[in-house]
Amino acid sequence: MRSGYKQRDHGQRAVALFAALASSSALILVVGSAASRAERPAIAWAAHTLNGTDTAHLHLVHQYENVLYEEGPATGALAGHVRAELNVGATFRGHVTFYTQAGSITVYGSASPHGTGRYASFGGSFTVTGGSGRYRHAHGRGGFYGTFDRRTFAVVVQTTGSFYY
């Protein structure tokens, strides 16, 4: 009878050993896959794309030398309120922020002015530099065009392009 007892004992040990190996293998797989995921760079995909055109009619709020602080309403894809800090030198440069109900988007752009009279037209490009709310991960590029009144400092800006958020 003792030999049957030993066989049963060996069988139970084999099952226990197999269970221990299986659980440690599973643990190694879980830890290994987590480590390999941690080593891989994260890839972000934009959930939404906004293609469109906006027009902003800005008026002067404050001026400091060649830097104009402007604001006004915007209509189009990013309807709302716009604030801009514009440097009007040989090249027009500046930061423009669109405030919408869903959040804000800030762009940096530069443009070349054309014309020597009261009105100058300009054209250039912009890059999205940041955002908040729904647009907090926004990025993209586009073009902007408009007119600048050298007497009243009023600016009409039209932007066109795509950005992702």
C-alpha atoms as a PDB file:
ATOM      1  CA  MET A   1       0.000   0.000   0.000  1.00  0.00           C
ATOM      2  CA  ARG A   2       2.834   2.276   0.538  1.00  0.00           C
ATOM      3  CA  SER A   3       3.747   2.382  -3.123  1.00  0.00           C
ATOM      4  CA  GLY A   4       0.251   3.612  -4.049  1.00  0.00           C
ATOM      5  CA  TYR A   5       0.553   6.298  -1.416  1.00  0.00           C
ATOM      6  CA  LYS A   6       3.838   7.481  -2.868  1.00  0.00           C
ATOM      7  CA  GLN A   7       2.384   7.646  -6.374  1.00  0.00           C
ATOM      8  CA  ARG A   8      -0.492   9.764  -5.164  1.00  0.00           C
ATOM      9  CA  ASP A   9       1.972  11.992  -3.277  1.00  0.00           C
ATOM     10  CA  HIS A  10       4.123  12.398  -6.411  1.00  0.00           C
ATOM     11  CA  GLY A  11       1.028  13.192  -8.457  1.00  0.00           C
ATOM     12  CA  GLN A  12      -0.066  15.890  -6.009  1.00  0.00           C
ATOM     13  CA  ARG A  13       3.436  17.324  -5.959  1.00  0.00           C
ATOM     14  CA  ALA A  14       3.544  17.395  -9.753  1.00  0.00           C
ATOM     15  CA  VAL A  15       0.199  19.252  -9.867  1.00  0.00           C
ATOM     16  CA  ALA A  16       1.403  21.725  -7.233  1.00  0.00           C
ATOM     17  CA  LEU A  17       4.707  22.230  -9.100  1.00  0.00           C
ATOM     18  CA  PHE A  18       2.862  22.747 -12.389  1.00  0.00           C
ATOM     19  CA  ALA A  19       0.510  25.290 -10.745  1.00  0.00           C
ATOM     20  CA  ALA A  20       3.481  27.168  -9.244  1.00  0.00           C
ATOM     21  CA  LEU A  21       5.279  27.256 -12.601  1.00  0.00           C
ATOM     22  CA  ALA A  22       2.153  28.388 -14.402  1.00  0.00           C
ATOM     23  CA  SER A  23       1.477  31.233 -11.962  1.00  0.00           C
ATOM     24  CA  SER A  24       5.112  32.409 -11.985  1.00  0.00           C
ATOM     25  CA  SER A  25       5.119  32.296 -15.804  1.00  0.00           C
ATOM     26  CA  ALA A  26       1.955  34.363 -15.856  1.00  0.00           C
ATOM     27  CA  LEU A  27       3.553  36.861 -13.469  1.00  0.00           C
ATOM     28  CA  ILE A  28       6.647  37.105 -15.688  1.00  0.00           C
ATOM     29  CA  LEU A  29       4.435  37.697 -18.741  1.00  0.00           C
ATOM     30  CA  VAL A  30       2.477  40.455 -16.984  1.00  0.00           C
ATOM     31  CA  VAL A  31       5.598  42.177 -15.661  1.00  0.00           C
ATOM     32  CA  GLY A  32       7.397  41.729 -18.990  1.00  0.00           C
ATOM     33  CA  SER A  33       4.566  43.169 -21.052  1.00  0.00           C
ATOM     34  CA  ALA A  34       4.208  46.123 -18.669  1.00  0.00           C
ATOM     35  CA  ALA A  35       7.938  46.779 -18.916  1.00  0.00           C
ATOM     36  CA  SER A  36       7.912  46.559 -22.686  1.00  0.00           C
ATOM     37  CA  ARG A  37       4.947  48.977 -22.796  1.00  0.00           C
ATOM     38  CA  ALA A  38       6.838  51.376 -20.527  1.00  0.00           C
ATOM     39  CA  GLU A  39       9.856  51.277 -22.850  1.00  0.00           C
ATOM     40  CA  ARG A  40       7.807  52.090 -25.956  1.00  0.00           C
ATOM     41  CA  PRO A  41       7.178  55.769 -26.670  1.00  0.00           C
ATOM     42  CA  ALA A  42       3.591  56.889 -26.339  1.00  0.00           C
ATOM     43  CA  ILE A  43       1.900  57.742 -29.608  1.00  0.00           C
ATOM     44  CA  ALA A  44      -0.819  60.367 -29.488  1.00  0.00           C
ATOM     45  CA  TRP A  45      -3.513  60.490 -32.115  1.00  0.00           C
ATOM     46  CA  ALA A  46      -5.663  63.544 -32.608  1.00  0.00           C
ATOM     47  CA  ALA A  47      -9.284  62.830 -31.863  1.00  0.00           C
ATOM     48  CA  HIS A  48     -10.658  65.774 -33.820  1.00  0.00           C
ATOM     49  CA  THR A  49      -9.673  67.911 -36.779  1.00  0.00           C
ATOM     50  CA  LEU A  50     -10.928  71.422 -37.418  1.00  0.00           C
ATOM     51  CA  ASN A  51     -10.562  72.797 -40.936  1.00  0.00           C
ATOM     52  CA  GLY A  52     -11.890  76.245 -41.391  1.00  0.00           C
ATOM     53  CA  THR A  53     -11.677  79.957 -41.787  1.00  0.00           C
ATOM     54  CA  ASP A  54     -12.079  82.682 -39.182  1.00  0.00           C
ATOM     55  CA  THR A  55     -12.359  86.419 -39.513  1.00  0.00           C
ATOM     56  CA  ALA A  56     -11.551  88.769 -36.624  1.00  0.00           C
ATOM     57  CA  HIS A  57     -12.212  92.523 -36.544  1.00  0.00           C
ATOM     58  CA  LEU A  58      -9.751  93.918 -33.999  1.00  0.00           C
ATOM     59  CA  HIS A  59      -9.452  97.374 -32.494  1.00  0.00           C
ATOM     60  CA  LEU A  60      -6.598  98.925 -30.545  1.00  0.00           C
ATOM     61  CA  VAL A  61      -6.727  98.557 -26.759  1.00  0.00           C
ATOM     62  CA  HIS A  62      -3.184  99.659 -25.907  1.00  0.00           C
ATOM     63  CA  GLN A  63       0.020 100.519 -27.730  1.00  0.00           C
ATOM     64  CA  TYR A  64       3.623 100.357 -26.554  1.00  0.00           C
ATOM     65  CA  GLU A  65       6.042 101.513 -29.265  1.00  0.00           C
ATOM     66  CA  ASN A  66       5.584  99.069 -32.196  1.00  0.00           C
ATOM     67  CA  VAL A  67       3.589  96.553 -30.134  1.00  0.00           C
ATOM     68  CA  LEU A  68      -0.193  96.756 -30.460  1.00  0.00           C
ATOM     69  CA  TYR A  69      -2.593  95.081 -28.055  1.00  0.00           C
ATOM     70  CA  GLU A  70      -5.833  94.463 -29.919  1.00  0.00           C
ATOM     71  CA  GLU A  71      -9.099  92.647 -29.339  1.00  0.00           C
ATOM     72  CA  GLY A  72     -12.447  92.069 -30.983  1.00  0.00           C
ATOM     73  CA  PRO A  73     -15.016  89.532 -32.142  1.00  0.00           C
ATOM     74  CA  ALA A  74     -14.294  86.533 -34.367  1.00  0.00           C
ATOM     75  CA  THR A  75     -16.659  84.677 -36.649  1.00  0.00           C
ATOM     76  CA  GLY A  76     -16.206  81.335 -38.372  1.00  0.00           C
ATOM     77  CA  ALA A  77     -14.893  77.991 -37.171  1.00  0.00           C
ATOM     78  CA  LEU A  78     -13.630  79.489 -33.878  1.00  0.00           C
ATOM     79  CA  ALA A  79     -16.333  82.034 -33.207  1.00  0.00           C
ATOM     80  CA  GLY A  80     -15.831  84.041 -30.044  1.00  0.00           C
ATOM     81  CA  HIS A  81     -13.504  86.758 -28.819  1.00  0.00           C
ATOM     82  CA  VAL A  82      -9.917  87.411 -29.920  1.00  0.00           C
ATOM     83  CA  ARG A  83      -7.001  89.099 -28.169  1.00  0.00           C
ATOM     84  CA  ALA A  84      -3.762  89.814 -29.980  1.00  0.00           C
ATOM     85  CA  GLU A  85      -0.310  91.145 -29.242  1.00  0.00           C
ATOM     86  CA  LEU A  86       1.109  92.332 -32.555  1.00  0.00           C
ATOM     87  CA  ASN A  87       4.535  93.702 -33.388  1.00  0.00           C
ATOM     88  CA  VAL A  88       4.152  95.873 -36.493  1.00  0.00           C
ATOM     89  CA  GLY A  89       7.660  96.347 -37.837  1.00  0.00           C
ATOM     90  CA  ALA A  90       9.150  95.379 -41.190  1.00  0.00           C
ATOM     91  CA  THR A  91       7.500  91.999 -40.576  1.00  0.00           C
ATOM     92  CA  PHE A  92       4.228  91.690 -38.659  1.00  0.00           C
ATOM     93  CA  ARG A  93       4.557  89.136 -35.848  1.00  0.00           C
ATOM     94  CA  GLY A  94       2.414  88.243 -32.926  1.00  0.00           C
ATOM     95  CA  HIS A  95       0.463  85.979 -30.637  1.00  0.00           C
ATOM     96  CA  VAL A  96      -3.275  85.722 -31.177  1.00  0.00           C
ATOM     97  CA  THR A  97      -5.644  83.917 -28.813  1.00  0.00           C
ATOM     98  CA  PHE A  98      -9.146  82.831 -29.819  1.00  0.00           C
ATOM     99  CA  TYR A  99     -11.518  82.443 -26.857  1.00  0.00           C
ATOM    100  CA  THR A 100     -14.499  80.187 -27.549  1.00  0.00           C
ATOM    101  CA  GLN A 101     -17.100  78.479 -25.373  1.00  0.00           C
ATOM    102  CA  ALA A 102     -15.137  75.212 -25.639  1.00  0.00           C
ATOM    103  CA  GLY A 103     -11.749  76.704 -24.683  1.00  0.00           C
ATOM    104  CA  SER A 104      -9.007  78.831 -26.159  1.00  0.00           C
ATOM    105  CA  ILE A 105      -6.388  78.428 -28.870  1.00  0.00           C
ATOM    106  CA  THR A 106      -3.214  80.497 -29.138  1.00  0.00           C
ATOM    107  CA  VAL A 107      -1.291  80.861 -32.377  1.00  0.00           C
ATOM    108  CA  TYR A 108       1.963  82.570 -33.296  1.00  0.00           C
ATOM    109  CA  GLY A 109       2.246  84.046 -36.749  1.00  0.00           C
ATOM    110  CA  SER A 110       4.348  86.241 -38.933  1.00  0.00           C
ATOM    111  CA  ALA A 111       3.442  88.061 -42.125  1.00  0.00           C
ATOM    112  CA  SER A 112       4.887  90.428 -44.680  1.00  0.00           C
ATOM    113  CA  PRO A 113       3.079  93.780 -45.037  1.00  0.00           C
ATOM    114  CA  HIS A 114       2.397  95.291 -48.474  1.00  0.00           C
ATOM    115  CA  GLY A 115       1.546  98.920 -49.184  1.00  0.00           C
ATOM    116  CA  THR A 116       2.804 102.289 -48.020  1.00  0.00           C
ATOM    117  CA  GLY A 117      -0.403 104.305 -47.638  1.00  0.00           C
ATOM    118  CA  ARG A 118      -2.941 104.355 -44.839  1.00  0.00           C
ATOM    119  CA  TYR A 119      -3.824 100.692 -45.363  1.00  0.00           C
ATOM    120  CA  ALA A 120      -1.402  97.828 -45.534  1.00  0.00           C
ATOM    121  CA  SER A 121      -2.341  94.309 -46.513  1.00  0.00           C
ATOM    122  CA  PHE A 122      -0.397  91.381 -45.154  1.00  0.00           C
ATOM    123  CA  GLY A 123      -0.080  87.661 -45.624  1.00  0.00           C
ATOM    124  CA  GLY A 124       1.795  84.961 -43.782  1.00  0.00           C
ATOM    125  CA  SER A 125       1.518  81.780 -41.768  1.00  0.00           C
ATOM    126  CA  PHE A 126       0.773  80.720 -38.213  1.00  0.00           C
ATOM    127  CA  THR A 127       1.503  77.806 -35.905  1.00  0.00           C
ATOM    128  CA  VAL A 128      -0.753  76.709 -33.052  1.00  0.00           C
ATOM    129  CA  THR A 129       1.276  77.097 -29.840  1.00  0.00           C
ATOM    130  CA  GLY A 130      -1.225  76.024 -27.196  1.00  0.00           C
ATOM    131  CA  GLY A 131      -4.753  75.806 -26.006  1.00  0.00           C
ATOM    132  CA  SER A 132      -7.061  75.223 -23.074  1.00  0.00           C
ATOM    133  CA  GLY A 133     -10.287  73.368 -22.395  1.00  0.00           C
ATOM    134  CA  ARG A 134     -11.314  71.195 -25.309  1.00  0.00           C
ATOM    135  CA  TYR A 135      -8.319  72.483 -27.276  1.00  0.00           C
ATOM    136  CA  ARG A 136      -5.617  71.900 -24.632  1.00  0.00           C
ATOM    137  CA  HIS A 137      -3.630  69.529 -26.896  1.00  0.00           C
ATOM    138  CA  ALA A 138      -4.149  71.519 -30.092  1.00  0.00           C
ATOM    139  CA  HIS A 139      -1.495  71.633 -32.779  1.00  0.00           C
ATOM    140  CA  GLY A 140      -1.468  72.655 -36.410  1.00  0.00           C
ATOM    141  CA  ARG A 141      -0.591  75.278 -39.001  1.00  0.00           C
ATOM    142  CA  GLY A 142      -2.277  77.607 -41.407  1.00  0.00           C
ATOM    143  CA  GLY A 143      -2.187  80.900 -43.223  1.00  0.00           C
ATOM    144  CA  PHE A 144      -3.432  84.319 -42.274  1.00  0.00           C
ATOM    145  CA  TYR A 145      -4.171  87.420 -44.258  1.00  0.00           C
ATOM    146  CA  GLY A 146      -5.655  90.791 -43.615  1.00  0.00           C
ATOM    147  CA  THR A 147      -5.512  94.548 -43.602  1.00  0.00           C
ATOM    148  CA  PHE A 148      -4.012  97.048 -41.188  1.00  0.00           C
ATOM    149  CA  ASP A 149      -5.165 100.664 -40.856  1.00  0.00           C
ATOM    150  CA  ARG A 150      -2.085 102.731 -39.974  1.00  0.00           C
ATOM    151  CA  ARG A 151      -4.209 105.651 -38.740  1.00  0.00           C
ATOM    152  CA  THR A 152      -6.635 103.882 -36.365  1.00  0.00           C
ATOM    153  CA  PHE A 153      -4.546 100.702 -35.887  1.00  0.00           C
ATOM    154  CA  ALA A 154      -7.619  98.601 -36.655  1.00  0.00           C
ATOM    155  CA  VAL A 155      -6.799  95.135 -37.987  1.00  0.00           C
ATOM    156  CA  VAL A 156      -8.961  92.700 -39.909  1.00  0.00           C
ATOM    157  CA  VAL A 157      -7.455  89.212 -39.829  1.00  0.00           C
ATOM    158  CA  GLN A 158      -8.581  86.135 -41.696  1.00  0.00           C
ATOM    159  CA  THR A 159      -7.064  82.775 -40.777  1.00  0.00           C
ATOM    160  CA  THR A 160      -7.416  79.577 -42.749  1.00  0.00           C
ATOM    161  CA  GLY A 161      -6.002  76.171 -41.997  1.00  0.00           C
ATOM    162  CA  SER A 162      -6.279  72.972 -40.034  1.00  0.00           C
ATOM    163  CA  PHE A 163      -5.545  72.061 -36.487  1.00  0.00           C
ATOM    164  CA  TYR A 164      -5.911  68.913 -34.459  1.00  0.00           C
ATOM    165  CA  TYR A 165      -7.060  68.511 -30.874  1.00  0.00           C
END
